[in-house]
Amino acid sequence: MKNLILIRHAKSSWDAPVNDKERPLSTRGINDAHLMAANIEEELPASYIVWSSTALRAKNTAYIFAENLLIPTESIILKDDLYTFDEKALEKVIRNCNDQFDNLILFGHNDAITNFVNIFGSRALKNVPTAGFVHLSFDVKDWKSINRGKTEKVLFPSDLKKYDPPLTGKQVY
C-alpha cells in the first residue's frame, strides 16, 4: 500500500515585485498553513517522507507544517522538479519515489495537484485550494505502479473556518 498526501502551498502574496518562484506567503497563507497543520496530525501515517517544491511559497508552507507537526525541517527534501503546474510532470516525480517509502507527503502547486487528484483519486474535485490537503491511497507495492487509487481524506482551510452568517430578521433567544 502506498499513501500520497498532496498539500497545495498556502496563499502567496503578489505584493512584492519578485519572480514567481520567489513569491512569499501572504498573511492569510501563513494563518491557513498553521490552521491546516494543527488539524491534520491524526490523518498522517506513523512514518513518511516529505518533499517540497523549491518555490518559496511551497517551502515555507512545508516549514510551517513541519513546525506544527514536529517534523525536523532538515528532513524535508526540496525538489526543483516539483515546481510544476503540470500533472504529468508531477506524476513522473511521484512514480520515481523510492519504494522503501510507503508514505509520501508532497507540497506543490496547482493545476498539477488538482488535475493529478482528479486522474488518480476516487473523488472529483473542482479545485484544491491553497493550503488544501488531499490523501490518496494506492493498493500497489511500488510507486511506478500507481493507478486510480482511493481518495481517503480531503480537507481545505474553509472546512475549518467558522462561518458566522449575519443576523437577519427576528432573533429568538
C-alpha atoms as a PDB file:
ATOM      1  CA  MET A   1       0.000   0.000   0.000  1.00  0.00           C
ATOM      2  CA  LYS A   2       1.280   3.449  -0.938  1.00  0.00           C
ATOM      3  CA  ASN A   3      -0.119   6.640   0.584  1.00  0.00           C
ATOM      4  CA  LEU A   4       0.279  10.040  -1.007  1.00  0.00           C
ATOM      5  CA  ILE A   5      -0.616  13.257   0.762  1.00  0.00           C
ATOM      6  CA  LEU A   6      -0.712  16.266  -1.523  1.00  0.00           C
ATOM      7  CA  ILE A   7      -0.713  19.718   0.048  1.00  0.00           C
ATOM      8  CA  ARG A   8      -1.019  22.771  -2.128  1.00  0.00           C
ATOM      9  CA  HIS A   9       1.141  25.668  -0.991  1.00  0.00           C
ATOM     10  CA  ALA A  10      -0.666  28.250   1.099  1.00  0.00           C
ATOM     11  CA  LYS A  11      -1.846  31.588  -0.320  1.00  0.00           C
ATOM     12  CA  SER A  12       1.024  33.644  -1.680  1.00  0.00           C
ATOM     13  CA  SER A  13       1.481  37.374  -1.849  1.00  0.00           C
ATOM     14  CA  TRP A  14       1.609  39.266  -5.126  1.00  0.00           C
ATOM     15  CA  ASP A  15       2.726  42.484  -3.428  1.00  0.00           C
ATOM     16  CA  ALA A  16       6.479  42.035  -3.777  1.00  0.00           C
ATOM     17  CA  PRO A  17       7.985  42.601  -7.253  1.00  0.00           C
ATOM     18  CA  VAL A  18       9.753  39.222  -7.402  1.00  0.00           C
ATOM     19  CA  ASN A  19       9.780  36.385  -9.887  1.00  0.00           C
ATOM     20  CA  ASP A  20       7.132  33.685  -9.461  1.00  0.00           C
ATOM     21  CA  LYS A  21       9.425  31.215  -7.730  1.00  0.00           C
ATOM     22  CA  GLU A  22      10.329  33.762  -5.041  1.00  0.00           C
ATOM     23  CA  ARG A  23       6.785  34.845  -4.119  1.00  0.00           C
ATOM     24  CA  PRO A  24       6.328  34.714  -0.314  1.00  0.00           C
ATOM     25  CA  LEU A  25       3.285  33.631   1.627  1.00  0.00           C
ATOM     26  CA  SER A  26       0.635  36.203   2.408  1.00  0.00           C
ATOM     27  CA  THR A  27      -0.598  36.727   5.970  1.00  0.00           C
ATOM     28  CA  ARG A  28      -3.684  34.692   5.124  1.00  0.00           C
ATOM     29  CA  GLY A  29      -1.450  31.961   3.714  1.00  0.00           C
ATOM     30  CA  ILE A  30       0.634  31.801   6.885  1.00  0.00           C
ATOM     31  CA  ASN A  31      -2.509  31.644   9.024  1.00  0.00           C
ATOM     32  CA  ASP A  32      -4.135  28.977   6.825  1.00  0.00           C
ATOM     33  CA  ALA A  33      -0.978  26.831   6.851  1.00  0.00           C
ATOM     34  CA  HIS A  34      -0.897  26.920  10.662  1.00  0.00           C
ATOM     35  CA  LEU A  35      -4.633  26.151  10.823  1.00  0.00           C
ATOM     36  CA  MET A  36      -4.342  23.184   8.483  1.00  0.00           C
ATOM     37  CA  ALA A  37      -1.206  21.793  10.131  1.00  0.00           C
ATOM     38  CA  ALA A  38      -2.901  21.961  13.523  1.00  0.00           C
ATOM     39  CA  ASN A  39      -5.784  19.844  12.231  1.00  0.00           C
ATOM     40  CA  ILE A  40      -4.199  17.055  10.181  1.00  0.00           C
ATOM     41  CA  GLU A  41      -1.956  15.215  12.629  1.00  0.00           C
ATOM     42  CA  GLU A  42      -4.437  12.366  13.072  1.00  0.00           C
ATOM     43  CA  GLU A  43      -4.576  11.975   9.283  1.00  0.00           C
ATOM     44  CA  LEU A  44      -0.839  11.340   8.942  1.00  0.00           C
ATOM     45  CA  PRO A  45       0.722   7.883   8.823  1.00  0.00           C
ATOM     46  CA  ALA A  46       3.219   6.921  11.538  1.00  0.00           C
ATOM     47  CA  SER A  47       6.180   7.395   9.200  1.00  0.00           C
ATOM     48  CA  TYR A  48       6.617   9.301   5.964  1.00  0.00           C
ATOM     49  CA  ILE A  49       8.977  11.180   3.701  1.00  0.00           C
ATOM     50  CA  VAL A  50       8.356  14.866   2.936  1.00  0.00           C
ATOM     51  CA  TRP A  51       9.061  16.531  -0.403  1.00  0.00           C
ATOM     52  CA  SER A  52       8.539  20.152  -1.368  1.00  0.00           C
ATOM     53  CA  SER A  53       8.828  22.285  -4.444  1.00  0.00           C
ATOM     54  CA  THR A  54      11.732  24.708  -4.295  1.00  0.00           C
ATOM     55  CA  ALA A  55       9.384  27.679  -4.766  1.00  0.00           C
ATOM     56  CA  LEU A  56       9.488  29.903  -1.670  1.00  0.00           C
ATOM     57  CA  ARG A  57       5.736  29.671  -1.042  1.00  0.00           C
ATOM     58  CA  ALA A  58       5.812  25.853  -1.106  1.00  0.00           C
ATOM     59  CA  LYS A  59       8.949  25.606   1.054  1.00  0.00           C
ATOM     60  CA  ASN A  60       7.521  27.986   3.634  1.00  0.00           C
ATOM     61  CA  THR A  61       4.240  26.071   3.707  1.00  0.00           C
ATOM     62  CA  ALA A  62       6.196  22.862   4.305  1.00  0.00           C
ATOM     63  CA  TYR A  63       8.203  24.537   7.067  1.00  0.00           C
ATOM     64  CA  ILE A  64       5.041  25.750   8.817  1.00  0.00           C
ATOM     65  CA  PHE A  65       3.587  22.240   8.699  1.00  0.00           C
ATOM     66  CA  ALA A  66       6.901  20.847   9.972  1.00  0.00           C
ATOM     67  CA  GLU A  67       6.933  23.316  12.862  1.00  0.00           C
ATOM     68  CA  ASN A  68       3.406  22.359  13.910  1.00  0.00           C
ATOM     69  CA  LEU A  69       3.897  18.618  13.439  1.00  0.00           C
ATOM     70  CA  LEU A  70       7.389  18.484  14.965  1.00  0.00           C
ATOM     71  CA  ILE A  71       8.980  17.326  11.712  1.00  0.00           C
ATOM     72  CA  PRO A  72      12.673  18.271  11.518  1.00  0.00           C
ATOM     73  CA  THR A  73      12.902  20.854   8.731  1.00  0.00           C
ATOM     74  CA  GLU A  74      16.202  19.345   7.571  1.00  0.00           C
ATOM     75  CA  SER A  75      14.294  16.155   6.708  1.00  0.00           C
ATOM     76  CA  ILE A  76      12.215  17.989   4.069  1.00  0.00           C
ATOM     77  CA  ILE A  77      13.600  17.149   0.635  1.00  0.00           C
ATOM     78  CA  LEU A  78      13.448  20.105  -1.730  1.00  0.00           C
ATOM     79  CA  LYS A  79      12.908  19.100  -5.355  1.00  0.00           C
ATOM     80  CA  ASP A  80      13.142  21.574  -8.190  1.00  0.00           C
ATOM     81  CA  ASP A  81      11.100  19.272 -10.446  1.00  0.00           C
ATOM     82  CA  LEU A  82       8.119  19.761  -8.102  1.00  0.00           C
ATOM     83  CA  TYR A  83       7.998  23.376  -9.234  1.00  0.00           C
ATOM     84  CA  THR A  84       5.499  22.354 -11.867  1.00  0.00           C
ATOM     85  CA  PHE A  85       1.920  23.170 -12.752  1.00  0.00           C
ATOM     86  CA  ASP A  86       1.571  20.085 -14.968  1.00  0.00           C
ATOM     87  CA  GLU A  87       0.079  16.861 -13.617  1.00  0.00           C
ATOM     88  CA  LYS A  88       2.143  14.660 -15.966  1.00  0.00           C
ATOM     89  CA  ALA A  89       5.382  16.148 -14.622  1.00  0.00           C
ATOM     90  CA  LEU A  90       4.065  15.716 -11.066  1.00  0.00           C
ATOM     91  CA  GLU A  91       3.142  12.101 -11.812  1.00  0.00           C
ATOM     92  CA  LYS A  92       6.652  11.435 -13.119  1.00  0.00           C
ATOM     93  CA  VAL A  93       8.239  12.732  -9.902  1.00  0.00           C
ATOM     94  CA  ILE A  94       5.872  10.678  -7.707  1.00  0.00           C
ATOM     95  CA  ARG A  95       6.450   7.497  -9.711  1.00  0.00           C
ATOM     96  CA  ASN A  96      10.179   7.893  -9.058  1.00  0.00           C
ATOM     97  CA  CYS A  97       9.786   7.809  -5.274  1.00  0.00           C
ATOM     98  CA  ASN A  98      11.928   5.101  -3.696  1.00  0.00           C
ATOM     99  CA  ASP A  99       9.749   2.080  -2.894  1.00  0.00           C
ATOM    100  CA  GLN A 100      11.212   1.786   0.600  1.00  0.00           C
ATOM    101  CA  PHE A 101       8.887   4.686   1.463  1.00  0.00           C
ATOM    102  CA  ASP A 102       5.211   3.765   1.666  1.00  0.00           C
ATOM    103  CA  ASN A 103       4.044   7.245   2.649  1.00  0.00           C
ATOM    104  CA  LEU A 104       4.877  10.460   0.815  1.00  0.00           C
ATOM    105  CA  ILE A 105       3.806  13.972   1.797  1.00  0.00           C
ATOM    106  CA  LEU A 106       4.276  16.414  -1.064  1.00  0.00           C
ATOM    107  CA  PHE A 107       3.978  20.225  -1.094  1.00  0.00           C
ATOM    108  CA  GLY A 108       3.345  21.563  -4.574  1.00  0.00           C
ATOM    109  CA  HIS A 109       1.324  23.680  -6.964  1.00  0.00           C
ATOM    110  CA  ASN A 110      -1.881  23.895  -8.948  1.00  0.00           C
ATOM    111  CA  ASP A 111      -3.034  22.999 -11.586  1.00  0.00           C
ATOM    112  CA  ALA A 112      -0.821  19.942 -11.161  1.00  0.00           C
ATOM    113  CA  ILE A 113      -2.307  18.914  -7.808  1.00  0.00           C
ATOM    114  CA  THR A 114      -5.986  19.290  -8.735  1.00  0.00           C
ATOM    115  CA  ASN A 115      -5.521  17.536 -12.074  1.00  0.00           C
ATOM    116  CA  PHE A 116      -3.461  14.733 -10.505  1.00  0.00           C
ATOM    117  CA  VAL A 117      -6.105  14.186  -7.799  1.00  0.00           C
ATOM    118  CA  ASN A 118      -8.853  14.023 -10.428  1.00  0.00           C
ATOM    119  CA  ILE A 119      -6.929  11.477 -12.507  1.00  0.00           C
ATOM    120  CA  PHE A 120      -5.699   9.277  -9.643  1.00  0.00           C
ATOM    121  CA  GLY A 121      -8.296   9.786  -6.908  1.00  0.00           C
ATOM    122  CA  SER A 122     -11.774   8.349  -6.470  1.00  0.00           C
ATOM    123  CA  ARG A 123     -13.446  11.703  -5.840  1.00  0.00           C
ATOM    124  CA  ALA A 124     -13.623  14.539  -8.364  1.00  0.00           C
ATOM    125  CA  LEU A 125     -12.596  17.918  -7.008  1.00  0.00           C
ATOM    126  CA  LYS A 126     -13.303  21.188  -8.767  1.00  0.00           C
ATOM    127  CA  ASN A 127     -10.208  22.770  -7.223  1.00  0.00           C
ATOM    128  CA  VAL A 128      -7.721  22.047  -4.463  1.00  0.00           C
ATOM    129  CA  PRO A 129      -7.423  25.498  -2.875  1.00  0.00           C
ATOM    130  CA  THR A 130      -4.299  26.971  -1.340  1.00  0.00           C
ATOM    131  CA  ALA A 131      -3.255  25.014   1.780  1.00  0.00           C
ATOM    132  CA  GLY A 132      -5.623  22.227   0.679  1.00  0.00           C
ATOM    133  CA  PHE A 133      -4.885  18.655   1.856  1.00  0.00           C
ATOM    134  CA  VAL A 134      -5.709  15.507  -0.136  1.00  0.00           C
ATOM    135  CA  HIS A 135      -4.776  11.967   0.941  1.00  0.00           C
ATOM    136  CA  LEU A 136      -4.780   9.287  -1.753  1.00  0.00           C
ATOM    137  CA  SER A 137      -4.064   5.595  -1.187  1.00  0.00           C
ATOM    138  CA  PHE A 138      -2.944   3.091  -3.799  1.00  0.00           C
ATOM    139  CA  ASP A 139      -3.170  -0.674  -3.432  1.00  0.00           C
ATOM    140  CA  VAL A 140       0.245  -1.304  -5.007  1.00  0.00           C
ATOM    141  CA  LYS A 141       3.720  -2.254  -3.793  1.00  0.00           C
ATOM    142  CA  ASP A 142       5.709   0.230  -5.833  1.00  0.00           C
ATOM    143  CA  TRP A 143       5.251   3.854  -6.818  1.00  0.00           C
ATOM    144  CA  LYS A 144       5.778   3.137 -10.517  1.00  0.00           C
ATOM    145  CA  SER A 145       2.560   1.075 -10.473  1.00  0.00           C
ATOM    146  CA  ILE A 146       0.198   3.676  -9.080  1.00  0.00           C
ATOM    147  CA  ASN A 147      -3.066   3.993 -10.948  1.00  0.00           C
ATOM    148  CA  ARG A 148      -6.527   5.066  -9.851  1.00  0.00           C
ATOM    149  CA  GLY A 149      -6.490   4.968  -6.073  1.00  0.00           C
ATOM    150  CA  LYS A 150      -8.844   5.917  -3.299  1.00  0.00           C
ATOM    151  CA  THR A 151      -9.374   9.444  -2.020  1.00  0.00           C
ATOM    152  CA  GLU A 152      -9.083   8.882   1.718  1.00  0.00           C
ATOM    153  CA  LYS A 153      -9.395  12.434   3.030  1.00  0.00           C
ATOM    154  CA  VAL A 154      -9.933  15.929   1.674  1.00  0.00           C
ATOM    155  CA  LEU A 155      -9.554  18.928   3.967  1.00  0.00           C
ATOM    156  CA  PHE A 156      -9.496  22.590   2.998  1.00  0.00           C
ATOM    157  CA  PRO A 157      -8.992  25.708   5.148  1.00  0.00           C
ATOM    158  CA  SER A 158     -12.615  26.690   4.522  1.00  0.00           C
ATOM    159  CA  ASP A 159     -13.688  23.441   6.239  1.00  0.00           C
ATOM    160  CA  LEU A 160     -12.010  24.628   9.434  1.00  0.00           C
ATOM    161  CA  LYS A 161     -13.025  28.265   9.474  1.00  0.00           C
ATOM    162  CA  LYS A 162     -16.182  29.219  11.307  1.00  0.00           C
ATOM    163  CA  TYR A 163     -18.794  30.953   9.270  1.00  0.00           C
ATOM    164  CA  ASP A 164     -20.938  33.384  11.193  1.00  0.00           C
ATOM    165  CA  PRO A 165     -23.798  34.485   8.965  1.00  0.00           C
ATOM    166  CA  PRO A 166     -25.049  38.000   9.531  1.00  0.00           C
ATOM    167  CA  LEU A 167     -28.028  38.321  11.813  1.00  0.00           C
ATOM    168  CA  THR A 168     -31.145  38.867   9.796  1.00  0.00           C
ATOM    169  CA  GLY A 169     -34.782  39.024  10.699  1.00  0.00           C
ATOM    170  CA  LYS A 170     -36.206  38.280  14.089  1.00  0.00           C
ATOM    171  CA  GLN A 171     -33.840  36.614  16.551  1.00  0.00           C
ATOM    172  CA  VAL A 172     -35.215  34.244  19.174  1.00  0.00           C
ATOM    173  CA  TYR A 173     -33.254  33.856  22.419  1.00  0.00           C
END
